[in-house]
PDB file of N, CA and C in Angstrom:
ATOM      1  N   MET A   1      76.429  76.312  12.658  1.00  0.00           N
ATOM      2  CA  MET A   1      75.515  76.442  11.534  1.00  0.00           C
ATOM      3  C   MET A   1      74.571  75.245  11.528  1.00  0.00           C
ATOM      4  N   THR A   2      73.279  75.534  11.374  1.00  0.00           N
ATOM      5  CA  THR A   2      72.271  74.489  11.370  1.00  0.00           C
ATOM      6  C   THR A   2      71.981  74.080   9.939  1.00  0.00           C
ATOM      7  N   THR A   3      71.933  72.802   9.709  1.00  0.00           N
ATOM      8  CA  THR A   3      71.603  72.276   8.390  1.00  0.00           C
ATOM      9  C   THR A   3      70.094  72.087   8.301  1.00  0.00           C
ATOM     10  N   GLN A   4      69.489  72.616   7.242  1.00  0.00           N
ATOM     11  CA  GLN A   4      68.047  72.485   7.043  1.00  0.00           C
ATOM     12  C   GLN A   4      67.721  71.069   6.556  1.00  0.00           C
ATOM     13  N   PRO A   5      66.635  70.495   7.022  1.00  0.00           N
ATOM     14  CA  PRO A   5      66.215  69.189   6.533  1.00  0.00           C
ATOM     15  C   PRO A   5      65.928  69.223   5.039  1.00  0.00           C
ATOM     16  N   VAL A   6      66.174  68.132   4.354  1.00  0.00           N
ATOM     17  CA  VAL A   6      65.930  68.018   2.917  1.00  0.00           C
ATOM     18  C   VAL A   6      64.469  68.321   2.591  1.00  0.00           C
ATOM     19  N   ALA A   7      63.581  67.939   3.483  1.00  0.00           N
ATOM     20  CA  ALA A   7      62.152  68.144   3.244  1.00  0.00           C
ATOM     21  C   ALA A   7      61.814  69.621   3.042  1.00  0.00           C
ATOM     22  N   PHE A   8      62.565  70.523   3.669  1.00  0.00           N
ATOM     23  CA  PHE A   8      62.298  71.948   3.503  1.00  0.00           C
ATOM     24  C   PHE A   8      62.479  72.362   2.043  1.00  0.00           C
ATOM     25  N   GLY A   9      63.541  71.907   1.423  1.00  0.00           N
ATOM     26  CA  GLY A   9      63.790  72.219   0.015  1.00  0.00           C
ATOM     27  C   GLY A   9      62.743  71.599  -0.885  1.00  0.00           C
ATOM     28  N   GLN A  10      62.349  70.385  -0.591  1.00  0.00           N
ATOM     29  CA  GLN A  10      61.326  69.712  -1.382  1.00  0.00           C
ATOM     30  C   GLN A  10      59.993  70.434  -1.268  1.00  0.00           C
ATOM     31  N   PHE A  11      59.667  70.851  -0.044  1.00  0.00           N
ATOM     32  CA  PHE A  11      58.422  71.583   0.165  1.00  0.00           C
ATOM     33  C   PHE A  11      58.438  72.899  -0.607  1.00  0.00           C
ATOM     34  N   GLY A  12      59.557  73.595  -0.577  1.00  0.00           N
ATOM     35  CA  GLY A  12      59.672  74.859  -1.292  1.00  0.00           C
ATOM     36  C   GLY A  12      59.460  74.691  -2.788  1.00  0.00           C
ATOM     37  N   ARG A  13      60.054  73.656  -3.367  1.00  0.00           N
ATOM     38  CA  ARG A  13      59.870  73.394  -4.802  1.00  0.00           C
ATOM     39  C   ARG A  13      58.418  73.030  -5.105  1.00  0.00           C
ATOM     40  N   THR A  14      57.839  72.196  -4.266  1.00  0.00           N
ATOM     41  CA  THR A  14      56.449  71.793  -4.465  1.00  0.00           C
ATOM     42  C   THR A  14      55.525  73.003  -4.389  1.00  0.00           C
ATOM     43  N   LEU A  15      55.771  73.856  -3.432  1.00  0.00           N
ATOM     44  CA  LEU A  15      54.978  75.072  -3.287  1.00  0.00           C
ATOM     45  C   LEU A  15      55.118  75.969  -4.515  1.00  0.00           C
ATOM     46  N   ALA A  16      56.324  76.105  -5.017  1.00  0.00           N
ATOM     47  CA  ALA A  16      56.558  76.931  -6.212  1.00  0.00           C
ATOM     48  C   ALA A  16      55.816  76.369  -7.424  1.00  0.00           C
ATOM     49  N   PHE A  17      55.853  75.060  -7.611  1.00  0.00           N
ATOM     50  CA  PHE A  17      55.147  74.443  -8.742  1.00  0.00           C
ATOM     51  C   PHE A  17      53.633  74.598  -8.587  1.00  0.00           C
ATOM     52  N   ALA A  18      53.135  74.456  -7.368  1.00  0.00           N
ATOM     53  CA  ALA A  18      51.703  74.621  -7.127  1.00  0.00           C
ATOM     54  C   ALA A  18      51.271  76.056  -7.424  1.00  0.00           C
ATOM     55  N   GLU A  19      52.067  77.025  -6.966  1.00  0.00           N
ATOM     56  CA  GLU A  19      51.745  78.428  -7.219  1.00  0.00           C
ATOM     57  C   GLU A  19      51.723  78.708  -8.722  1.00  0.00           C
ATOM     58  N   ARG A  20      52.671  78.152  -9.438  1.00  0.00           N
ATOM     59  CA  ARG A  20      52.731  78.373 -10.890  1.00  0.00           C
ATOM     60  C   ARG A  20      51.504  77.771 -11.571  1.00  0.00           C
ATOM     61  N   ALA A  21      51.118  76.558 -11.170  1.00  0.00           N
ATOM     62  CA  ALA A  21      49.961  75.902 -11.776  1.00  0.00           C
ATOM     63  C   ALA A  21      48.671  76.656 -11.459  1.00  0.00           C
ATOM     64  N   LEU A  22      48.510  77.092 -10.218  1.00  0.00           N
ATOM     65  CA  LEU A  22      47.301  77.822  -9.832  1.00  0.00           C
ATOM     66  C   LEU A  22      47.229  79.178 -10.524  1.00  0.00           C
ATOM     67  N   THR A  23      48.354  79.852 -10.645  1.00  0.00           N
ATOM     68  CA  THR A  23      48.389  81.141 -11.329  1.00  0.00           C
ATOM     69  C   THR A  23      48.011  80.975 -12.796  1.00  0.00           C
ATOM     70  N   ALA A  24      48.543  79.944 -13.436  1.00  0.00           N
ATOM     71  CA  ALA A  24      48.216  79.692 -14.846  1.00  0.00           C
ATOM     72  C   ALA A  24      46.726  79.412 -15.009  1.00  0.00           C
ATOM     73  N   THR A  25      46.160  78.633 -14.111  1.00  0.00           N
ATOM     74  CA  THR A  25      44.738  78.312 -14.172  1.00  0.00           C
ATOM     75  C   THR A  25      43.899  79.573 -13.973  1.00  0.00           C
ATOM     76  N   LEU A  26      44.272  80.400 -13.007  1.00  0.00           N
ATOM     77  CA  LEU A  26      43.543  81.649 -12.767  1.00  0.00           C
ATOM     78  C   LEU A  26      43.637  82.562 -13.980  1.00  0.00           C
ATOM     79  N   ARG A  27      44.818  82.717 -14.539  1.00  0.00           N
ATOM     80  CA  ARG A  27      44.984  83.588 -15.706  1.00  0.00           C
ATOM     81  C   ARG A  27      44.151  83.098 -16.890  1.00  0.00           C
ATOM     82  N   GLU A  28      44.090  81.790 -17.084  1.00  0.00           N
ATOM     83  CA  GLU A  28      43.290  81.215 -18.166  1.00  0.00           C
ATOM     84  C   GLU A  28      41.804  81.505 -17.925  1.00  0.00           C
ATOM     85  N   HIS A  29      41.356  81.291 -16.704  1.00  0.00           N
ATOM     86  CA  HIS A  29      39.960  81.552 -16.332  1.00  0.00           C
ATOM     87  C   HIS A  29      39.605  83.020 -16.592  1.00  0.00           C
ATOM     88  N   LEU A  30      40.475  83.924 -16.176  1.00  0.00           N
ATOM     89  CA  LEU A  30      40.222  85.349 -16.356  1.00  0.00           C
ATOM     90  C   LEU A  30      40.281  85.754 -17.825  1.00  0.00           C
ATOM     91  N   ALA A  31      41.206  85.174 -18.588  1.00  0.00           N
ATOM     92  CA  ALA A  31      41.324  85.494 -20.014  1.00  0.00           C
ATOM     93  C   ALA A  31      40.046  85.100 -20.756  1.00  0.00           C
ATOM     94  N   GLU A  32      39.458  83.976 -20.388  1.00  0.00           N
ATOM     95  CA  GLU A  32      38.203  83.546 -21.014  1.00  0.00           C
ATOM     96  C   GLU A  32      37.091  84.559 -20.753  1.00  0.00           C
ATOM     97  N   ARG A  33      37.198  85.300 -19.692  1.00  0.00           N
ATOM     98  CA  ARG A  33      36.203  86.302 -19.322  1.00  0.00           C
ATOM     99  C   ARG A  33      36.672  87.720 -19.631  1.00  0.00           C
ATOM    100  N   GLU A  34      37.763  87.811 -20.376  1.00  0.00           N
ATOM    101  CA  GLU A  34      38.334  89.088 -20.810  1.00  0.00           C
ATOM    102  C   GLU A  34      38.556  90.034 -19.624  1.00  0.00           C
ATOM    103  N   THR A  35      39.152  89.485 -18.560  1.00  0.00           N
ATOM    104  CA  THR A  35      39.415  90.248 -17.349  1.00  0.00           C
ATOM    105  C   THR A  35      40.892  90.153 -17.007  1.00  0.00           C
ATOM    106  N   GLU A  36      41.489  91.290 -16.720  1.00  0.00           N
ATOM    107  CA  GLU A  36      42.897  91.310 -16.333  1.00  0.00           C
ATOM    108  C   GLU A  36      43.051  90.819 -14.893  1.00  0.00           C
ATOM    109  N   PRO A  37      44.132  90.116 -14.598  1.00  0.00           N
ATOM    110  CA  PRO A  37      44.355  89.650 -13.223  1.00  0.00           C
ATOM    111  C   PRO A  37      44.325  90.777 -12.198  1.00  0.00           C
ATOM    112  N   GLU A  38      44.819  91.952 -12.556  1.00  0.00           N
ATOM    113  CA  GLU A  38      44.833  93.081 -11.629  1.00  0.00           C
ATOM    114  C   GLU A  38      43.411  93.515 -11.269  1.00  0.00           C
ATOM    115  N   THR A  39      42.498  93.438 -12.242  1.00  0.00           N
ATOM    116  CA  THR A  39      41.100  93.758 -11.983  1.00  0.00           C
ATOM    117  C   THR A  39      40.524  92.770 -10.979  1.00  0.00           C
ATOM    118  N   TRP A  40      40.769  91.488 -11.214  1.00  0.00           N
ATOM    119  CA  TRP A  40      40.296  90.457 -10.288  1.00  0.00           C
ATOM    120  C   TRP A  40      40.847  90.700  -8.885  1.00  0.00           C
ATOM    121  N   TYR A  41      42.114  90.978  -8.797  1.00  0.00           N
ATOM    122  CA  TYR A  41      42.758  91.169  -7.504  1.00  0.00           C
ATOM    123  C   TYR A  41      42.122  92.335  -6.747  1.00  0.00           C
ATOM    124  N   ALA A  42      41.893  93.443  -7.436  1.00  0.00           N
ATOM    125  CA  ALA A  42      41.286  94.609  -6.796  1.00  0.00           C
ATOM    126  C   ALA A  42      39.857  94.293  -6.341  1.00  0.00           C
ATOM    127  N   LEU A  43      39.074  93.679  -7.221  1.00  0.00           N
ATOM    128  CA  LEU A  43      37.701  93.337  -6.857  1.00  0.00           C
ATOM    129  C   LEU A  43      37.670  92.361  -5.684  1.00  0.00           C
ATOM    130  N   GLN A  44      38.568  91.390  -5.699  1.00  0.00           N
ATOM    131  CA  GLN A  44      38.633  90.398  -4.628  1.00  0.00           C
ATOM    132  C   GLN A  44      38.975  91.054  -3.290  1.00  0.00           C
ATOM    133  N   LEU A  45      39.933  91.951  -3.303  1.00  0.00           N
ATOM    134  CA  LEU A  45      40.306  92.635  -2.068  1.00  0.00           C
ATOM    135  C   LEU A  45      39.150  93.457  -1.518  1.00  0.00           C
ATOM    136  N   ILE A  46      38.462  94.188  -2.372  1.00  0.00           N
ATOM    137  CA  ILE A  46      37.344  95.009  -1.917  1.00  0.00           C
ATOM    138  C   ILE A  46      36.210  94.112  -1.410  1.00  0.00           C
ATOM    139  N   ALA A  47      35.924  93.040  -2.131  1.00  0.00           N
ATOM    140  CA  ALA A  47      34.833  92.147  -1.736  1.00  0.00           C
ATOM    141  C   ALA A  47      35.108  91.454  -0.410  1.00  0.00           C
ATOM    142  N   THR A  48      36.344  91.092  -0.165  1.00  0.00           N
ATOM    143  CA  THR A  48      36.646  90.327   1.047  1.00  0.00           C
ATOM    144  C   THR A  48      36.998  91.209   2.242  1.00  0.00           C
ATOM    145  N   ARG A  49      37.468  92.424   1.995  1.00  0.00           N
ATOM    146  CA  ARG A  49      37.868  93.302   3.099  1.00  0.00           C
ATOM    147  C   ARG A  49      36.903  94.450   3.329  1.00  0.00           C
ATOM    148  N   GLY A  50      35.959  94.615   2.414  1.00  0.00           N
ATOM    149  CA  GLY A  50      34.988  95.677   2.552  1.00  0.00           C
ATOM    150  C   GLY A  50      33.795  95.196   3.346  1.00  0.00           C
ATOM    151  N   PRO A  51      32.709  95.914   3.385  1.00  0.00           N
ATOM    152  CA  PRO A  51      32.533  97.168   2.659  1.00  0.00           C
ATOM    153  C   PRO A  51      33.310  98.311   3.308  1.00  0.00           C
ATOM    154  N   GLY A  52      33.509  99.312   2.524  1.00  0.00           N
ATOM    155  CA  GLY A  52      34.213 100.488   3.031  1.00  0.00           C
ATOM    156  C   GLY A  52      35.699 100.264   3.221  1.00  0.00           C
ATOM    157  N   LEU A  53      36.335  99.610   2.265  1.00  0.00           N
ATOM    158  CA  LEU A  53      37.779  99.396   2.351  1.00  0.00           C
ATOM    159  C   LEU A  53      38.496 100.724   2.102  1.00  0.00           C
ATOM    160  N   ALA A  54      39.403 101.078   2.980  1.00  0.00           N
ATOM    161  CA  ALA A  54      40.152 102.331   2.832  1.00  0.00           C
ATOM    162  C   ALA A  54      40.962 102.310   1.539  1.00  0.00           C
ATOM    163  N   ARG A  55      40.834 103.375   0.763  1.00  0.00           N
ATOM    164  CA  ARG A  55      41.564 103.470  -0.502  1.00  0.00           C
ATOM    165  C   ARG A  55      43.065 103.301  -0.277  1.00  0.00           C
ATOM    166  N   GLU A  56      43.577 103.907   0.792  1.00  0.00           N
ATOM    167  CA  GLU A  56      45.013 103.799   1.084  1.00  0.00           C
ATOM    168  C   GLU A  56      45.430 102.359   1.324  1.00  0.00           C
ATOM    169  N   ALA A  57      44.632 101.610   2.071  1.00  0.00           N
ATOM    170  CA  ALA A  57      44.958 100.213   2.359  1.00  0.00           C
ATOM    171  C   ALA A  57      44.909  99.381   1.085  1.00  0.00           C
ATOM    172  N   LEU A  58      43.885  99.600   0.263  1.00  0.00           N
ATOM    173  CA  LEU A  58      43.779  98.875  -0.999  1.00  0.00           C
ATOM    174  C   LEU A  58      44.961  99.207  -1.896  1.00  0.00           C
ATOM    175  N   SER A  59      45.284 100.489  -2.007  1.00  0.00           N
ATOM    176  CA  SER A  59      46.408 100.901  -2.858  1.00  0.00           C
ATOM    177  C   SER A  59      47.708 100.271  -2.389  1.00  0.00           C
ATOM    178  N   ALA A  60      47.929 100.238  -1.082  1.00  0.00           N
ATOM    179  CA  ALA A  60      49.154  99.628  -0.550  1.00  0.00           C
ATOM    180  C   ALA A  60      49.228  98.149  -0.895  1.00  0.00           C
ATOM    181  N   ASP A  61      48.107  97.439  -0.777  1.00  0.00           N
ATOM    182  CA  ASP A  61      48.093  96.016  -1.127  1.00  0.00           C
ATOM    183  C   ASP A  61      48.357  95.816  -2.614  1.00  0.00           C
ATOM    184  N   LEU A  62      47.693  96.607  -3.441  1.00  0.00           N
ATOM    185  CA  LEU A  62      47.874  96.463  -4.889  1.00  0.00           C
ATOM    186  C   LEU A  62      49.305  96.801  -5.306  1.00  0.00           C
ATOM    187  N   GLU A  63      49.867  97.860  -4.727  1.00  0.00           N
ATOM    188  CA  GLU A  63      51.236  98.260  -5.067  1.00  0.00           C
ATOM    189  C   GLU A  63      52.253  97.202  -4.649  1.00  0.00           C
ATOM    190  N   GLY A  64      51.888  96.349  -3.708  1.00  0.00           N
ATOM    191  CA  GLY A  64      52.773  95.281  -3.262  1.00  0.00           C
ATOM    192  C   GLY A  64      52.771  94.067  -4.173  1.00  0.00           C
ATOM    193  N   SER A  65      51.922  94.081  -5.195  1.00  0.00           N
ATOM    194  CA  SER A  65      51.876  92.948  -6.117  1.00  0.00           C
ATOM    195  C   SER A  65      53.016  93.046  -7.139  1.00  0.00           C
ATOM    196  N   ARG A  66      53.208  91.987  -7.864  1.00  0.00           N
ATOM    197  CA  ARG A  66      54.312  91.934  -8.847  1.00  0.00           C
ATOM    198  C   ARG A  66      54.112  92.858 -10.039  1.00  0.00           C
ATOM    199  N   THR A  67      52.866  93.138 -10.368  1.00  0.00           N
ATOM    200  CA  THR A  67      52.607  93.826 -11.636  1.00  0.00           C
ATOM    201  C   THR A  67      52.154  95.269 -11.482  1.00  0.00           C
ATOM    202  N   LEU A  68      52.002  95.745 -10.252  1.00  0.00           N
ATOM    203  CA  LEU A  68      51.502  97.102 -10.053  1.00  0.00           C
ATOM    204  C   LEU A  68      52.459  97.943  -9.227  1.00  0.00           C
ATOM    205  N   ASP A  69      52.468  99.231  -9.521  1.00  0.00           N
ATOM    206  CA  ASP A  69      53.200 100.202  -8.710  1.00  0.00           C
ATOM    207  C   ASP A  69      52.214 101.332  -8.401  1.00  0.00           C
ATOM    208  N   ALA A  70      52.677 102.413  -7.816  1.00  0.00           N
ATOM    209  CA  ALA A  70      51.782 103.493  -7.409  1.00  0.00           C
ATOM    210  C   ALA A  70      51.010 104.074  -8.593  1.00  0.00           C
ATOM    211  N   ASP A  71      51.708 104.322  -9.703  1.00  0.00           N
ATOM    212  CA  ASP A  71      51.042 104.917 -10.872  1.00  0.00           C
ATOM    213  C   ASP A  71      50.031 103.963 -11.490  1.00  0.00           C
ATOM    214  N   SER A  72      50.414 102.705 -11.691  1.00  0.00           N
ATOM    215  CA  SER A  72      49.493 101.758 -12.323  1.00  0.00           C
ATOM    216  C   SER A  72      48.320 101.431 -11.397  1.00  0.00           C
ATOM    217  N   THR A  73      48.523 101.499 -10.091  1.00  0.00           N
ATOM    218  CA  THR A  73      47.421 101.291  -9.150  1.00  0.00           C
ATOM    219  C   THR A  73      46.411 102.417  -9.264  1.00  0.00           C
ATOM    220  N   ARG A  74      46.887 103.657  -9.332  1.00  0.00           N
ATOM    221  CA  ARG A  74      45.968 104.797  -9.513  1.00  0.00           C
ATOM    222  C   ARG A  74      45.191 104.638 -10.823  1.00  0.00           C
ATOM    223  N   GLU A  75      45.878 104.245 -11.884  1.00  0.00           N
ATOM    224  CA  GLU A  75      45.217 104.053 -13.177  1.00  0.00           C
ATOM    225  C   GLU A  75      44.183 102.929 -13.104  1.00  0.00           C
ATOM    226  N   LEU A  76      44.524 101.839 -12.434  1.00  0.00           N
ATOM    227  CA  LEU A  76      43.594 100.721 -12.290  1.00  0.00           C
ATOM    228  C   LEU A  76      42.332 101.151 -11.546  1.00  0.00           C
ATOM    229  N   LEU A  77      42.493 101.826 -10.422  1.00  0.00           N
ATOM    230  CA  LEU A  77      41.328 102.249  -9.650  1.00  0.00           C
ATOM    231  C   LEU A  77      40.491 103.268 -10.416  1.00  0.00           C
ATOM    232  N   ALA A  78      41.134 104.162 -11.143  1.00  0.00           N
ATOM    233  CA  ALA A  78      40.393 105.126 -11.968  1.00  0.00           C
ATOM    234  C   ALA A  78      39.605 104.395 -13.058  1.00  0.00           C
ATOM    235  N   ARG A  79      40.209 103.384 -13.662  1.00  0.00           N
ATOM    236  CA  ARG A  79      39.514 102.612 -14.707  1.00  0.00           C
ATOM    237  C   ARG A  79      38.322 101.862 -14.120  1.00  0.00           C
ATOM    238  N   LEU A  80      38.522 101.230 -12.960  1.00  0.00           N
ATOM    239  CA  LEU A  80      37.426 100.481 -12.329  1.00  0.00           C
ATOM    240  C   LEU A  80      36.275 101.416 -11.949  1.00  0.00           C
ATOM    241  N   GLU A  81      36.612 102.643 -11.529  1.00  0.00           N
ATOM    242  CA  GLU A  81      35.573 103.633 -11.236  1.00  0.00           C
ATOM    243  C   GLU A  81      34.860 104.055 -12.518  1.00  0.00           C
ATOM    244  N   ALA A  82      35.618 104.321 -13.568  1.00  0.00           N
ATOM    245  CA  ALA A  82      35.034 104.744 -14.845  1.00  0.00           C
ATOM    246  C   ALA A  82      34.145 103.647 -15.438  1.00  0.00           C
ATOM    247  N   GLU A  83      34.499 102.394 -15.203  1.00  0.00           N
ATOM    248  CA  GLU A  83      33.702 101.272 -15.710  1.00  0.00           C
ATOM    249  C   GLU A  83      32.502 100.966 -14.823  1.00  0.00           C
ATOM    250  N   GLY A  84      32.372 101.699 -13.715  1.00  0.00           N
ATOM    251  CA  GLY A  84      31.228 101.516 -12.840  1.00  0.00           C
ATOM    252  C   GLY A  84      31.307 100.285 -11.951  1.00  0.00           C
ATOM    253  N   LEU A  85      32.532  99.813 -11.683  1.00  0.00           N
ATOM    254  CA  LEU A  85      32.700  98.604 -10.868  1.00  0.00           C
ATOM    255  C   LEU A  85      32.939  98.900  -9.390  1.00  0.00           C
ATOM    256  N   ILE A  86      33.517 100.073  -9.113  1.00  0.00           N
ATOM    257  CA  ILE A  86      33.764 100.484  -7.723  1.00  0.00           C
ATOM    258  C   ILE A  86      33.307 101.920  -7.549  1.00  0.00           C
ATOM    259  N   ARG A  87      33.099 102.305  -6.284  1.00  0.00           N
ATOM    260  CA  ARG A  87      32.693 103.688  -5.980  1.00  0.00           C
ATOM    261  C   ARG A  87      33.299 104.079  -4.643  1.00  0.00           C
ATOM    262  N   GLY A  88      33.439 105.388  -4.462  1.00  0.00           N
ATOM    263  CA  GLY A  88      33.913 105.901  -3.190  1.00  0.00           C
ATOM    264  C   GLY A  88      35.120 106.800  -3.359  1.00  0.00           C
ATOM    265  N   ASP A  89      35.457 107.480  -2.268  1.00  0.00           N
ATOM    266  CA  ASP A  89      36.625 108.358  -2.257  1.00  0.00           C
ATOM    267  C   ASP A  89      37.662 107.795  -1.292  1.00  0.00           C
ATOM    268  N   ALA A  90      37.547 108.144  -0.023  1.00  0.00           N
ATOM    269  CA  ALA A  90      38.506 107.640   0.968  1.00  0.00           C
ATOM    270  C   ALA A  90      38.288 106.160   1.255  1.00  0.00           C
ATOM    271  N   THR A  91      37.032 105.708   1.117  1.00  0.00           N
ATOM    272  CA  THR A  91      36.733 104.282   1.255  1.00  0.00           C
ATOM    273  C   THR A  91      36.053 103.808  -0.018  1.00  0.00           C
ATOM    274  N   LEU A  92      36.311 102.566  -0.372  1.00  0.00           N
ATOM    275  CA  LEU A  92      35.808 102.017  -1.628  1.00  0.00           C
ATOM    276  C   LEU A  92      34.893 100.830  -1.382  1.00  0.00           C
ATOM    277  N   ASP A  93      33.900 100.725  -2.245  1.00  0.00           N
ATOM    278  CA  ASP A  93      32.967  99.602  -2.250  1.00  0.00           C
ATOM    279  C   ASP A  93      32.758  99.157  -3.688  1.00  0.00           C
ATOM    280  N   LEU A  94      32.304  97.930  -3.837  1.00  0.00           N
ATOM    281  CA  LEU A  94      31.884  97.454  -5.147  1.00  0.00           C
ATOM    282  C   LEU A  94      30.498  98.019  -5.440  1.00  0.00           C
ATOM    283  N   THR A  95      30.264  98.382  -6.682  1.00  0.00           N
ATOM    284  CA  THR A  95      28.923  98.749  -7.112  1.00  0.00           C
ATOM    285  C   THR A  95      28.159  97.450  -7.358  1.00  0.00           C
ATOM    286  N   ALA A  96      26.885  97.554  -7.667  1.00  0.00           N
ATOM    287  CA  ALA A  96      26.110  96.356  -8.008  1.00  0.00           C
ATOM    288  C   ALA A  96      26.740  95.650  -9.209  1.00  0.00           C
ATOM    289  N   GLN A  97      27.207  96.433 -10.179  1.00  0.00           N
ATOM    290  CA  GLN A  97      27.864  95.870 -11.362  1.00  0.00           C
ATOM    291  C   GLN A  97      29.176  95.202 -10.965  1.00  0.00           C
ATOM    292  N   GLY A  98      29.923  95.813 -10.062  1.00  0.00           N
ATOM    293  CA  GLY A  98      31.169  95.226  -9.581  1.00  0.00           C
ATOM    294  C   GLY A  98      30.934  93.934  -8.824  1.00  0.00           C
ATOM    295  N   GLU A  99      29.878  93.921  -7.995  1.00  0.00           N
ATOM    296  CA  GLU A  99      29.524  92.697  -7.266  1.00  0.00           C
ATOM    297  C   GLU A  99      29.150  91.582  -8.226  1.00  0.00           C
ATOM    298  N   ALA A 100      28.385  91.923  -9.265  1.00  0.00           N
ATOM    299  CA  ALA A 100      27.977  90.915 -10.251  1.00  0.00           C
ATOM    300  C   ALA A 100      29.195  90.357 -10.993  1.00  0.00           C
ATOM    301  N   LEU A 101      30.113  91.232 -11.387  1.00  0.00           N
ATOM    302  CA  LEU A 101      31.318  90.765 -12.078  1.00  0.00           C
ATOM    303  C   LEU A 101      32.149  89.886 -11.147  1.00  0.00           C
ATOM    304  N   HIS A 102      32.351  90.325  -9.923  1.00  0.00           N
ATOM    305  CA  HIS A 102      33.132  89.546  -8.966  1.00  0.00           C
ATOM    306  C   HIS A 102      32.505  88.170  -8.769  1.00  0.00           C
ATOM    307  N   ARG A 103      31.201  88.129  -8.602  1.00  0.00           N
ATOM    308  CA  ARG A 103      30.500  86.850  -8.416  1.00  0.00           C
ATOM    309  C   ARG A 103      30.674  85.944  -9.635  1.00  0.00           C
ATOM    310  N   SER A 104      30.572  86.524 -10.827  1.00  0.00           N
ATOM    311  CA  SER A 104      30.688  85.719 -12.052  1.00  0.00           C
ATOM    312  C   SER A 104      32.119  85.185 -12.229  1.00  0.00           C
ATOM    313  N   LEU A 105      33.106  85.945 -11.791  1.00  0.00           N
ATOM    314  CA  LEU A 105      34.498  85.495 -11.915  1.00  0.00           C
ATOM    315  C   LEU A 105      34.808  84.381 -10.920  1.00  0.00           C
ATOM    316  N   ARG A 106      34.134  84.389  -9.797  1.00  0.00           N
ATOM    317  CA  ARG A 106      34.348  83.328  -8.797  1.00  0.00           C
ATOM    318  C   ARG A 106      33.786  82.001  -9.269  1.00  0.00           C
ATOM    319  N   ASP A 107      32.735  82.060 -10.091  1.00  0.00           N
ATOM    320  CA  ASP A 107      32.074  80.815 -10.555  1.00  0.00           C
ATOM    321  C   ASP A 107      32.924  80.042 -11.529  1.00  0.00           C
TER     322      ASP A 107
END
């Protein structure tokens, strides 16, 4: 049996604290803009992996998150389409409004 170096445990704790701090900061930033984290995540994925991101690939990524499953992912994408932020069927793109929102959230 191999003993792991102490530094591995320290790194893991440090990484966990950093993730918690960054997540809190992101959630605060999004709350100030009245945007749900799931909306940001979907827009970010489309913006960085598109144009023409396959709906199936996006859905699989979203369903792999902590807060979404297949049903809530379908609801999220339907809402984003209804709000005029994304468009497409088999492949998805940001609309001009979606691009503007994504850009404003990055700032």
